[in-house]
């Protein structure tokens, strides 16, 4: 039961975070960010937000710093949009799956040639 609820909350948070990051965050360090996934713990206390950032490693680190600085604001916006007793603590991480997939695809392409 709680797994279904945490999944629903994660999907709603993913939608709302995408909107907040694209419209509300004015920090110049935060560039083009895509929320790829959100994992919420069963007790709804923590939410791990996986993001993808367009740019080099320096741009990615700057974006992570900007998001860490705006974490309180983002959490309060989530709290206004989603009705929960307590808004989950946000943890931002890079989604390495896309880069990993591209690397494997490149290796397979080289093997075929």
PDB file of N, CA and C in Angstrom:
ATOM      1  N   UNK A   1       0.818  -1.196   0.000  1.00  0.00           N
ATOM      2  CA  UNK A   1       0.000   0.000   0.000  1.00  0.00           C
ATOM      3  C   UNK A   1       0.861   1.259   0.000  1.00  0.00           C
ATOM      4  N   UNK A   2       1.878   1.314   0.900  1.00  0.00           N
ATOM      5  CA  UNK A   2       2.708   2.507   0.970  1.00  0.00           C
ATOM      6  C   UNK A   2       3.592   2.633  -0.273  1.00  0.00           C
ATOM      7  N   UNK A   3       3.925   1.491  -0.896  1.00  0.00           N
ATOM      8  CA  UNK A   3       4.732   1.537  -2.114  1.00  0.00           C
ATOM      9  C   UNK A   3       3.956   2.211  -3.239  1.00  0.00           C
ATOM     10  N   UNK A   4       2.677   1.906  -3.338  1.00  0.00           N
ATOM     11  CA  UNK A   4       1.831   2.533  -4.351  1.00  0.00           C
ATOM     12  C   UNK A   4       1.709   4.032  -4.087  1.00  0.00           C
ATOM     13  N   UNK A   5       1.531   4.406  -2.831  1.00  0.00           N
ATOM     14  CA  UNK A   5       1.398   5.821  -2.480  1.00  0.00           C
ATOM     15  C   UNK A   5       2.701   6.569  -2.743  1.00  0.00           C
ATOM     16  N   UNK A   6       3.831   5.982  -2.371  1.00  0.00           N
ATOM     17  CA  UNK A   6       5.107   6.660  -2.597  1.00  0.00           C
ATOM     18  C   UNK A   6       5.376   6.816  -4.095  1.00  0.00           C
ATOM     19  N   UNK A   7       4.938   5.840  -4.896  1.00  0.00           N
ATOM     20  CA  UNK A   7       5.100   5.947  -6.347  1.00  0.00           C
ATOM     21  C   UNK A   7       4.235   7.076  -6.906  1.00  0.00           C
ATOM     22  N   UNK A   8       3.006   7.191  -6.411  1.00  0.00           N
ATOM     23  CA  UNK A   8       2.124   8.278  -6.861  1.00  0.00           C
ATOM     24  C   UNK A   8       2.686   9.642  -6.471  1.00  0.00           C
ATOM     25  N   UNK A   9       3.198   9.744  -5.246  1.00  0.00           N
ATOM     26  CA  UNK A   9       3.789  11.002  -4.786  1.00  0.00           C
ATOM     27  C   UNK A   9       5.023  11.337  -5.621  1.00  0.00           C
ATOM     28  N   UNK A  10       5.830  10.329  -5.939  1.00  0.00           N
ATOM     29  CA  UNK A  10       7.032  10.548  -6.751  1.00  0.00           C
ATOM     30  C   UNK A  10       6.667  11.069  -8.136  1.00  0.00           C
ATOM     31  N   UNK A  11       5.656  10.496  -8.751  1.00  0.00           N
ATOM     32  CA  UNK A  11       5.245  10.950 -10.081  1.00  0.00           C
ATOM     33  C   UNK A  11       4.706  12.379 -10.040  1.00  0.00           C
ATOM     34  N   UNK A  12       3.942  12.696  -9.009  1.00  0.00           N
ATOM     35  CA  UNK A  12       3.422  14.057  -8.873  1.00  0.00           C
ATOM     36  C   UNK A  12       4.558  15.045  -8.624  1.00  0.00           C
ATOM     37  N   UNK A  13       5.527  14.645  -7.797  1.00  0.00           N
ATOM     38  CA  UNK A  13       6.676  15.508  -7.532  1.00  0.00           C
ATOM     39  C   UNK A  13       7.505  15.732  -8.788  1.00  0.00           C
ATOM     40  N   UNK A  14       7.657  14.695  -9.601  1.00  0.00           N
ATOM     41  CA  UNK A  14       8.421  14.811 -10.849  1.00  0.00           C
ATOM     42  C   UNK A  14       7.785  15.863 -11.758  1.00  0.00           C
ATOM     43  N   UNK A  15       6.473  15.817 -11.865  1.00  0.00           N
ATOM     44  CA  UNK A  15       5.742  16.775 -12.697  1.00  0.00           C
ATOM     45  C   UNK A  15       5.896  18.198 -12.152  1.00  0.00           C
ATOM     46  N   UNK A  16       5.697  18.355 -10.858  1.00  0.00           N
ATOM     47  CA  UNK A  16       5.761  19.682 -10.249  1.00  0.00           C
ATOM     48  C   UNK A  16       7.186  20.236 -10.255  1.00  0.00           C
ATOM     49  N   UNK A  17       8.176  19.389 -10.015  1.00  0.00           N
ATOM     50  CA  UNK A  17       9.567  19.838 -10.030  1.00  0.00           C
ATOM     51  C   UNK A  17       9.980  20.328 -11.409  1.00  0.00           C
ATOM     52  N   UNK A  18       9.530  19.635 -12.439  1.00  0.00           N
ATOM     53  CA  UNK A  18       9.814  20.088 -13.799  1.00  0.00           C
ATOM     54  C   UNK A  18       9.284  21.485 -14.046  1.00  0.00           C
ATOM     55  N   UNK A  19       8.090  21.747 -13.564  1.00  0.00           N
ATOM     56  CA  UNK A  19       7.486  23.064 -13.721  1.00  0.00           C
ATOM     57  C   UNK A  19       8.222  24.116 -12.893  1.00  0.00           C
ATOM     58  N   UNK A  20       8.540  23.778 -11.656  1.00  0.00           N
ATOM     59  CA  UNK A  20       9.225  24.728 -10.764  1.00  0.00           C
ATOM     60  C   UNK A  20      10.605  25.082 -11.309  1.00  0.00           C
ATOM     61  N   UNK A  21      11.358  24.070 -11.733  1.00  0.00           N
ATOM     62  CA  UNK A  21      12.720  24.320 -12.208  1.00  0.00           C
ATOM     63  C   UNK A  21      12.741  25.117 -13.511  1.00  0.00           C
ATOM     64  N   UNK A  22      11.723  24.952 -14.335  1.00  0.00           N
ATOM     65  CA  UNK A  22      11.720  25.676 -15.603  1.00  0.00           C
ATOM     66  C   UNK A  22      11.159  27.090 -15.474  1.00  0.00           C
ATOM     67  N   UNK A  23      10.313  27.339 -14.480  1.00  0.00           N
ATOM     68  CA  UNK A  23       9.644  28.644 -14.419  1.00  0.00           C
ATOM     69  C   UNK A  23      10.016  29.503 -13.215  1.00  0.00           C
ATOM     70  N   UNK A  24      10.280  28.879 -12.070  1.00  0.00           N
ATOM     71  CA  UNK A  24      10.418  29.646 -10.836  1.00  0.00           C
ATOM     72  C   UNK A  24      11.855  29.942 -10.421  1.00  0.00           C
ATOM     73  N   UNK A  25      12.797  29.095 -10.794  1.00  0.00           N
ATOM     74  CA  UNK A  25      14.176  29.269 -10.349  1.00  0.00           C
ATOM     75  C   UNK A  25      14.862  30.306 -11.239  1.00  0.00           C
ATOM     76  N   UNK A  26      15.355  31.372 -10.619  1.00  0.00           N
ATOM     77  CA  UNK A  26      15.974  32.478 -11.365  1.00  0.00           C
ATOM     78  C   UNK A  26      17.498  32.495 -11.219  1.00  0.00           C
ATOM     79  N   UNK A  27      18.056  31.503 -10.543  1.00  0.00           N
ATOM     80  CA  UNK A  27      19.502  31.440 -10.323  1.00  0.00           C
ATOM     81  C   UNK A  27      20.214  31.224 -11.657  1.00  0.00           C
ATOM     82  N   UNK A  28      21.172  32.083 -12.023  1.00  0.00           N
ATOM     83  CA  UNK A  28      21.862  31.915 -13.316  1.00  0.00           C
ATOM     84  C   UNK A  28      22.715  30.651 -13.385  1.00  0.00           C
ATOM     85  N   UNK A  29      23.068  30.076 -12.227  1.00  0.00           N
ATOM     86  CA  UNK A  29      23.858  28.840 -12.232  1.00  0.00           C
ATOM     87  C   UNK A  29      23.041  27.650 -12.705  1.00  0.00           C
ATOM     88  N   UNK A  30      21.729  27.724 -12.501  1.00  0.00           N
ATOM     89  CA  UNK A  30      20.859  26.616 -12.880  1.00  0.00           C
ATOM     90  C   UNK A  30      20.509  26.781 -14.352  1.00  0.00           C
ATOM     91  N   UNK A  31      21.070  25.900 -15.169  1.00  0.00           N
ATOM     92  CA  UNK A  31      20.851  25.975 -16.612  1.00  0.00           C
ATOM     93  C   UNK A  31      19.650  25.158 -17.037  1.00  0.00           C
ATOM     94  N   UNK A  32      19.799  24.471 -18.146  1.00  0.00           N
ATOM     95  CA  UNK A  32      18.733  23.643 -18.685  1.00  0.00           C
ATOM     96  C   UNK A  32      18.727  22.311 -17.939  1.00  0.00           C
ATOM     97  N   UNK A  33      17.771  22.147 -17.025  1.00  0.00           N
ATOM     98  CA  UNK A  33      17.688  20.968 -16.167  1.00  0.00           C
ATOM     99  C   UNK A  33      16.444  20.172 -16.525  1.00  0.00           C
ATOM    100  N   UNK A  34      16.610  18.856 -16.626  1.00  0.00           N
ATOM    101  CA  UNK A  34      15.487  17.957 -16.852  1.00  0.00           C
ATOM    102  C   UNK A  34      15.406  16.994 -15.678  1.00  0.00           C
ATOM    103  N   UNK A  35      14.236  16.882 -15.087  1.00  0.00           N
ATOM    104  CA  UNK A  35      14.023  15.920 -14.011  1.00  0.00           C
ATOM    105  C   UNK A  35      13.697  14.589 -14.668  1.00  0.00           C
ATOM    106  N   UNK A  36      14.599  13.609 -14.512  1.00  0.00           N
ATOM    107  CA  UNK A  36      14.406  12.322 -15.179  1.00  0.00           C
ATOM    108  C   UNK A  36      13.648  11.330 -14.314  1.00  0.00           C
ATOM    109  N   UNK A  37      13.815  11.420 -12.994  1.00  0.00           N
ATOM    110  CA  UNK A  37      13.128  10.479 -12.109  1.00  0.00           C
ATOM    111  C   UNK A  37      13.128  11.024 -10.690  1.00  0.00           C
ATOM    112  N   UNK A  38      12.163  10.575  -9.904  1.00  0.00           N
ATOM    113  CA  UNK A  38      12.095  10.897  -8.479  1.00  0.00           C
ATOM    114  C   UNK A  38      11.793   9.604  -7.743  1.00  0.00           C
ATOM    115  N   UNK A  39      12.591   9.320  -6.712  1.00  0.00           N
ATOM    116  CA  UNK A  39      12.352   8.160  -5.854  1.00  0.00           C
ATOM    117  C   UNK A  39      12.042   8.661  -4.455  1.00  0.00           C
ATOM    118  N   UNK A  40      10.871   8.297  -3.939  1.00  0.00           N
ATOM    119  CA  UNK A  40      10.448   8.711  -2.607  1.00  0.00           C
ATOM    120  C   UNK A  40      10.479   7.496  -1.695  1.00  0.00           C
ATOM    121  N   UNK A  41      11.002   7.691  -0.484  1.00  0.00           N
ATOM    122  CA  UNK A  41      11.041   6.588   0.474  1.00  0.00           C
ATOM    123  C   UNK A  41       9.622   6.227   0.904  1.00  0.00           C
ATOM    124  N   UNK A  42       9.467   5.044   1.454  1.00  0.00           N
ATOM    125  CA  UNK A  42       8.146   4.554   1.850  1.00  0.00           C
ATOM    126  C   UNK A  42       7.464   5.415   2.895  1.00  0.00           C
ATOM    127  N   UNK A  43       8.254   6.056   3.775  1.00  0.00           N
ATOM    128  CA  UNK A  43       7.666   6.918   4.798  1.00  0.00           C
ATOM    129  C   UNK A  43       7.508   8.369   4.343  1.00  0.00           C
ATOM    130  N   UNK A  44       7.808   8.632   3.086  1.00  0.00           N
ATOM    131  CA  UNK A  44       7.655   9.949   2.449  1.00  0.00           C
ATOM    132  C   UNK A  44       8.493  11.031   3.122  1.00  0.00           C
ATOM    133  N   UNK A  45       9.631  10.645   3.710  1.00  0.00           N
ATOM    134  CA  UNK A  45      10.491  11.611   4.386  1.00  0.00           C
ATOM    135  C   UNK A  45      11.576  12.173   3.476  1.00  0.00           C
ATOM    136  N   UNK A  46      12.029  11.372   2.504  1.00  0.00           N
ATOM    137  CA  UNK A  46      13.083  11.816   1.602  1.00  0.00           C
ATOM    138  C   UNK A  46      12.702  11.527   0.161  1.00  0.00           C
ATOM    139  N   UNK A  47      13.133  12.418  -0.707  1.00  0.00           N
ATOM    140  CA  UNK A  47      12.913  12.237  -2.147  1.00  0.00           C
ATOM    141  C   UNK A  47      14.238  12.453  -2.858  1.00  0.00           C
ATOM    142  N   UNK A  48      14.668  11.443  -3.586  1.00  0.00           N
ATOM    143  CA  UNK A  48      15.888  11.533  -4.377  1.00  0.00           C
ATOM    144  C   UNK A  48      15.480  11.950  -5.783  1.00  0.00           C
ATOM    145  N   UNK A  49      15.944  13.120  -6.206  1.00  0.00           N
ATOM    146  CA  UNK A  49      15.577  13.694  -7.495  1.00  0.00           C
ATOM    147  C   UNK A  49      16.751  13.500  -8.456  1.00  0.00           C
ATOM    148  N   UNK A  50      16.512  12.754  -9.527  1.00  0.00           N
ATOM    149  CA  UNK A  50      17.536  12.527 -10.539  1.00  0.00           C
ATOM    150  C   UNK A  50      17.359  13.550 -11.647  1.00  0.00           C
ATOM    151  N   UNK A  51      18.461  14.249 -11.953  1.00  0.00           N
ATOM    152  CA  UNK A  51      18.397  15.311 -12.956  1.00  0.00           C
ATOM    153  C   UNK A  51      19.407  15.062 -14.065  1.00  0.00           C
ATOM    154  N   UNK A  52      19.107  15.635 -15.206  1.00  0.00           N
ATOM    155  CA  UNK A  52      20.016  15.630 -16.344  1.00  0.00           C
ATOM    156  C   UNK A  52      20.249  17.085 -16.719  1.00  0.00           C
ATOM    157  N   UNK A  53      21.522  17.443 -16.921  1.00  0.00           N
ATOM    158  CA  UNK A  53      21.878  18.826 -17.200  1.00  0.00           C
ATOM    159  C   UNK A  53      22.592  18.898 -18.542  1.00  0.00           C
ATOM    160  N   UNK A  54      22.210  19.867 -19.342  1.00  0.00           N
ATOM    161  CA  UNK A  54      22.853  20.088 -20.626  1.00  0.00           C
ATOM    162  C   UNK A  54      24.115  20.917 -20.401  1.00  0.00           C
ATOM    163  N   UNK A  55      25.266  20.399 -20.835  1.00  0.00           N
ATOM    164  CA  UNK A  55      26.510  21.146 -20.685  1.00  0.00           C
ATOM    165  C   UNK A  55      27.653  20.273 -20.214  1.00  0.00           C
ATOM    166  N   UNK A  56      28.788  20.910 -19.963  1.00  0.00           N
ATOM    167  CA  UNK A  56      29.981  20.184 -19.524  1.00  0.00           C
ATOM    168  C   UNK A  56      29.950  19.949 -18.006  1.00  0.00           C
ATOM    169  N   UNK A  57      31.042  19.375 -17.489  1.00  0.00           N
ATOM    170  CA  UNK A  57      31.092  19.030 -16.065  1.00  0.00           C
ATOM    171  C   UNK A  57      31.020  20.267 -15.172  1.00  0.00           C
ATOM    172  N   UNK A  58      31.639  21.352 -15.596  1.00  0.00           N
ATOM    173  CA  UNK A  58      31.591  22.592 -14.801  1.00  0.00           C
ATOM    174  C   UNK A  58      30.157  23.107 -14.697  1.00  0.00           C
ATOM    175  N   UNK A  59      29.437  23.077 -15.813  1.00  0.00           N
ATOM    176  CA  UNK A  59      28.036  23.521 -15.826  1.00  0.00           C
ATOM    177  C   UNK A  59      27.188  22.631 -14.920  1.00  0.00           C
ATOM    178  N   UNK A  60      27.467  21.329 -14.932  1.00  0.00           N
ATOM    179  CA  UNK A  60      26.727  20.406 -14.077  1.00  0.00           C
ATOM    180  C   UNK A  60      26.958  20.702 -12.602  1.00  0.00           C
ATOM    181  N   UNK A  61      28.203  20.961 -12.230  1.00  0.00           N
ATOM    182  CA  UNK A  61      28.511  21.258 -10.830  1.00  0.00           C
ATOM    183  C   UNK A  61      27.888  22.590 -10.403  1.00  0.00           C
ATOM    184  N   UNK A  62      27.920  23.594 -11.277  1.00  0.00           N
ATOM    185  CA  UNK A  62      27.288  24.875 -10.972  1.00  0.00           C
ATOM    186  C   UNK A  62      25.786  24.712 -10.783  1.00  0.00           C
ATOM    187  N   UNK A  63      25.178  23.887 -11.624  1.00  0.00           N
ATOM    188  CA  UNK A  63      23.739  23.638 -11.505  1.00  0.00           C
ATOM    189  C   UNK A  63      23.420  22.957 -10.185  1.00  0.00           C
ATOM    190  N   UNK A  64      24.234  21.985  -9.792  1.00  0.00           N
ATOM    191  CA  UNK A  64      24.021  21.295  -8.524  1.00  0.00           C
ATOM    192  C   UNK A  64      24.160  22.258  -7.344  1.00  0.00           C
ATOM    193  N   UNK A  65      25.119  23.175  -7.411  1.00  0.00           N
ATOM    194  CA  UNK A  65      25.272  24.180  -6.355  1.00  0.00           C
ATOM    195  C   UNK A  65      24.063  25.110  -6.297  1.00  0.00           C
ATOM    196  N   UNK A  66      23.584  25.537  -7.458  1.00  0.00           N
ATOM    197  CA  UNK A  66      22.410  26.407  -7.511  1.00  0.00           C
ATOM    198  C   UNK A  66      21.171  25.725  -6.956  1.00  0.00           C
ATOM    199  N   UNK A  67      21.005  24.435  -7.278  1.00  0.00           N
ATOM    200  CA  UNK A  67      19.851  23.691  -6.770  1.00  0.00           C
ATOM    201  C   UNK A  67      19.960  23.474  -5.261  1.00  0.00           C
ATOM    202  N   UNK A  68      21.171  23.239  -4.777  1.00  0.00           N
ATOM    203  CA  UNK A  68      21.363  23.073  -3.330  1.00  0.00           C
ATOM    204  C   UNK A  68      21.019  24.367  -2.599  1.00  0.00           C
ATOM    205  N   UNK A  69      21.369  25.497  -3.188  1.00  0.00           N
ATOM    206  CA  UNK A  69      21.066  26.795  -2.586  1.00  0.00           C
ATOM    207  C   UNK A  69      19.566  27.070  -2.583  1.00  0.00           C
ATOM    208  N   UNK A  70      18.867  26.614  -3.620  1.00  0.00           N
ATOM    209  CA  UNK A  70      17.427  26.871  -3.759  1.00  0.00           C
ATOM    210  C   UNK A  70      16.571  25.744  -3.187  1.00  0.00           C
ATOM    211  N   UNK A  71      17.175  24.790  -2.513  1.00  0.00           N
ATOM    212  CA  UNK A  71      16.459  23.610  -2.020  1.00  0.00           C
ATOM    213  C   UNK A  71      15.283  23.974  -1.109  1.00  0.00           C
ATOM    214  N   UNK A  72      15.469  24.940  -0.232  1.00  0.00           N
ATOM    215  CA  UNK A  72      14.389  25.364   0.673  1.00  0.00           C
ATOM    216  C   UNK A  72      13.213  25.952  -0.077  1.00  0.00           C
ATOM    217  N   UNK A  73      13.503  26.807  -1.057  1.00  0.00           N
ATOM    218  CA  UNK A  73      12.449  27.403  -1.868  1.00  0.00           C
ATOM    219  C   UNK A  73      11.698  26.336  -2.658  1.00  0.00           C
ATOM    220  N   UNK A  74      12.448  25.413  -3.269  1.00  0.00           N
ATOM    221  CA  UNK A  74      11.832  24.351  -4.066  1.00  0.00           C
ATOM    222  C   UNK A  74      10.950  23.479  -3.189  1.00  0.00           C
ATOM    223  N   UNK A  75      11.431  23.165  -2.003  1.00  0.00           N
ATOM    224  CA  UNK A  75      10.651  22.331  -1.074  1.00  0.00           C
ATOM    225  C   UNK A  75       9.362  23.037  -0.650  1.00  0.00           C
ATOM    226  N   UNK A  76       9.438  24.341  -0.401  1.00  0.00           N
ATOM    227  CA  UNK A  76       8.229  25.075  -0.015  1.00  0.00           C
ATOM    228  C   UNK A  76       7.228  25.142  -1.170  1.00  0.00           C
ATOM    229  N   UNK A  77       7.723  25.282  -2.405  1.00  0.00           N
ATOM    230  CA  UNK A  77       6.840  25.279  -3.576  1.00  0.00           C
ATOM    231  C   UNK A  77       6.157  23.916  -3.738  1.00  0.00           C
ATOM    232  N   UNK A  78       6.916  22.846  -3.530  1.00  0.00           N
ATOM    233  CA  UNK A  78       6.333  21.499  -3.592  1.00  0.00           C
ATOM    234  C   UNK A  78       5.251  21.358  -2.525  1.00  0.00           C
ATOM    235  N   UNK A  79       5.543  21.860  -1.332  1.00  0.00           N
ATOM    236  CA  UNK A  79       4.571  21.790  -0.237  1.00  0.00           C
ATOM    237  C   UNK A  79       3.272  22.511  -0.553  1.00  0.00           C
ATOM    238  N   UNK A  80       3.354  23.615  -1.284  1.00  0.00           N
ATOM    239  CA  UNK A  80       2.145  24.358  -1.661  1.00  0.00           C
ATOM    240  C   UNK A  80       1.335  23.607  -2.713  1.00  0.00           C
ATOM    241  N   UNK A  81       2.026  22.891  -3.590  1.00  0.00           N
ATOM    242  CA  UNK A  81       1.358  22.244  -4.718  1.00  0.00           C
ATOM    243  C   UNK A  81       0.844  20.842  -4.402  1.00  0.00           C
ATOM    244  N   UNK A  82       1.528  20.128  -3.526  1.00  0.00           N
ATOM    245  CA  UNK A  82       1.121  18.767  -3.170  1.00  0.00           C
ATOM    246  C   UNK A  82       0.723  18.757  -1.699  1.00  0.00           C
ATOM    247  N   UNK A  83      -0.442  18.260  -1.416  1.00  0.00           N
ATOM    248  CA  UNK A  83      -0.920  18.257  -0.038  1.00  0.00           C
ATOM    249  C   UNK A  83      -0.426  17.019   0.700  1.00  0.00           C
ATOM    250  N   UNK A  84       0.609  17.248   1.510  1.00  0.00           N
ATOM    251  CA  UNK A  84       1.159  16.207   2.358  1.00  0.00           C
ATOM    252  C   UNK A  84       1.344  16.795   3.751  1.00  0.00           C
ATOM    253  N   UNK A  85       1.362  15.932   4.759  1.00  0.00           N
ATOM    254  CA  UNK A  85       1.615  16.430   6.110  1.00  0.00           C
ATOM    255  C   UNK A  85       2.990  17.060   6.214  1.00  0.00           C
ATOM    256  N   UNK A  86       3.968  16.361   5.663  1.00  0.00           N
ATOM    257  CA  UNK A  86       5.339  16.861   5.688  1.00  0.00           C
ATOM    258  C   UNK A  86       5.925  16.691   4.288  1.00  0.00           C
ATOM    259  N   UNK A  87       6.507  17.756   3.788  1.00  0.00           N
ATOM    260  CA  UNK A  87       7.125  17.708   2.466  1.00  0.00           C
ATOM    261  C   UNK A  87       8.452  16.962   2.568  1.00  0.00           C
ATOM    262  N   UNK A  88       8.702  16.024   1.669  1.00  0.00           N
ATOM    263  CA  UNK A  88       9.954  15.253   1.734  1.00  0.00           C
ATOM    264  C   UNK A  88      11.196  16.120   1.566  1.00  0.00           C
ATOM    265  N   UNK A  89      12.271  15.715   2.236  1.00  0.00           N
ATOM    266  CA  UNK A  89      13.581  16.351   2.075  1.00  0.00           C
ATOM    267  C   UNK A  89      14.097  16.007   0.683  1.00  0.00           C
ATOM    268  N   UNK A  90      14.591  16.998  -0.051  1.00  0.00           N
ATOM    269  CA  UNK A  90      15.031  16.792  -1.428  1.00  0.00           C
ATOM    270  C   UNK A  90      16.527  16.523  -1.489  1.00  0.00           C
ATOM    271  N   UNK A  91      16.898  15.513  -2.261  1.00  0.00           N
ATOM    272  CA  UNK A  91      18.299  15.179  -2.515  1.00  0.00           C
ATOM    273  C   UNK A  91      18.464  15.143  -4.027  1.00  0.00           C
ATOM    274  N   UNK A  92      19.300  16.039  -4.561  1.00  0.00           N
ATOM    275  CA  UNK A  92      19.514  16.104  -6.003  1.00  0.00           C
ATOM    276  C   UNK A  92      20.732  15.281  -6.384  1.00  0.00           C
ATOM    277  N   UNK A  93      20.587  14.450  -7.427  1.00  0.00           N
ATOM    278  CA  UNK A  93      21.680  13.640  -7.952  1.00  0.00           C
ATOM    279  C   UNK A  93      21.605  13.645  -9.470  1.00  0.00           C
ATOM    280  N   UNK A  94      22.773  13.441 -10.090  1.00  0.00           N
ATOM    281  CA  UNK A  94      22.802  13.358 -11.547  1.00  0.00           C
ATOM    282  C   UNK A  94      22.351  11.976 -11.994  1.00  0.00           C
ATOM    283  N   UNK A  95      21.601  11.939 -13.083  1.00  0.00           N
ATOM    284  CA  UNK A  95      21.176  10.671 -13.671  1.00  0.00           C
ATOM    285  C   UNK A  95      22.234  10.256 -14.681  1.00  0.00           C
ATOM    286  N   UNK A  96      22.989   9.243 -14.341  1.00  0.00           N
ATOM    287  CA  UNK A  96      24.093   8.796 -15.183  1.00  0.00           C
ATOM    288  C   UNK A  96      23.648   7.771 -16.233  1.00  0.00           C
ATOM    289  N   UNK A  97      22.390   7.376 -16.215  1.00  0.00           N
ATOM    290  CA  UNK A  97      21.911   6.311 -17.107  1.00  0.00           C
ATOM    291  C   UNK A  97      22.043   6.692 -18.580  1.00  0.00           C
ATOM    292  N   UNK A  98      21.747   7.933 -18.918  1.00  0.00           N
ATOM    293  CA  UNK A  98      21.805   8.359 -20.310  1.00  0.00           C
ATOM    294  C   UNK A  98      23.240   8.310 -20.833  1.00  0.00           C
ATOM    295  N   UNK A  99      24.178   8.852 -20.061  1.00  0.00           N
ATOM    296  CA  UNK A  99      25.588   8.836 -20.468  1.00  0.00           C
ATOM    297  C   UNK A  99      26.117   7.406 -20.528  1.00  0.00           C
ATOM    298  N   UNK A 100      25.718   6.582 -19.590  1.00  0.00           N
ATOM    299  CA  UNK A 100      26.140   5.185 -19.556  1.00  0.00           C
ATOM    300  C   UNK A 100      25.628   4.445 -20.798  1.00  0.00           C
ATOM    301  N   UNK A 101      24.372   4.688 -21.145  1.00  0.00           N
ATOM    302  CA  UNK A 101      23.783   4.077 -22.343  1.00  0.00           C
ATOM    303  C   UNK A 101      24.491   4.514 -23.616  1.00  0.00           C
ATOM    304  N   UNK A 102      24.826   5.796 -23.711  1.00  0.00           N
ATOM    305  CA  UNK A 102      25.562   6.299 -24.882  1.00  0.00           C
ATOM    306  C   UNK A 102      26.943   5.674 -24.979  1.00  0.00           C
ATOM    307  N   UNK A 103      27.591   5.492 -23.851  1.00  0.00           N
ATOM    308  CA  UNK A 103      28.929   4.888 -23.860  1.00  0.00           C
ATOM    309  C   UNK A 103      28.868   3.440 -24.327  1.00  0.00           C
ATOM    310  N   UNK A 104      27.875   2.690 -23.829  1.00  0.00           N
ATOM    311  CA  UNK A 104      27.719   1.293 -24.245  1.00  0.00           C
ATOM    312  C   UNK A 104      27.371   1.210 -25.729  1.00  0.00           C
ATOM    313  N   UNK A 105      26.514   2.104 -26.186  1.00  0.00           N
ATOM    314  CA  UNK A 105      26.157   2.118 -27.602  1.00  0.00           C
ATOM    315  C   UNK A 105      27.375   2.408 -28.478  1.00  0.00           C
ATOM    316  N   UNK A 106      28.224   3.313 -28.038  1.00  0.00           N
ATOM    317  CA  UNK A 106      29.454   3.613 -28.770  1.00  0.00           C
ATOM    318  C   UNK A 106      30.398   2.420 -28.821  1.00  0.00           C
ATOM    319  N   UNK A 107      30.507   1.695 -27.716  1.00  0.00           N
ATOM    320  CA  UNK A 107      31.357   0.496 -27.671  1.00  0.00           C
ATOM    321  C   UNK A 107      30.814  -0.574 -28.619  1.00  0.00           C
ATOM    322  N   UNK A 108      29.513  -0.778 -28.598  1.00  0.00           N
ATOM    323  CA  UNK A 108      28.904  -1.776 -29.492  1.00  0.00           C
ATOM    324  C   UNK A 108      29.079  -1.380 -30.963  1.00  0.00           C
ATOM    325  N   UNK A 109      28.957  -0.089 -31.243  1.00  0.00           N
ATOM    326  CA  UNK A 109      29.131   0.384 -32.612  1.00  0.00           C
ATOM    327  C   UNK A 109      30.564   0.147 -33.081  1.00  0.00           C
ATOM    328  N   UNK A 110      31.542   0.401 -32.181  1.00  0.00           N
ATOM    329  CA  UNK A 110      32.953   0.152 -32.523  1.00  0.00           C
ATOM    330  C   UNK A 110      33.237  -1.316 -32.747  1.00  0.00           C
ATOM    331  N   UNK A 111      32.586  -2.172 -31.961  1.00  0.00           N
ATOM    332  CA  UNK A 111      32.783  -3.618 -32.130  1.00  0.00           C
ATOM    333  C   UNK A 111      32.230  -4.109 -33.465  1.00  0.00           C
ATOM    334  N   UNK A 112      31.109  -3.559 -33.891  1.00  0.00           N
ATOM    335  CA  UNK A 112      30.513  -3.945 -35.158  1.00  0.00           C
ATOM    336  C   UNK A 112      31.354  -3.516 -36.353  1.00  0.00           C
ATOM    337  N   UNK A 113      32.073  -2.413 -36.198  1.00  0.00           N
ATOM    338  CA  UNK A 113      32.924  -1.914 -37.287  1.00  0.00           C
ATOM    339  C   UNK A 113      34.221  -2.670 -37.273  1.00  0.00           C
TER     340      UNK A 113
END
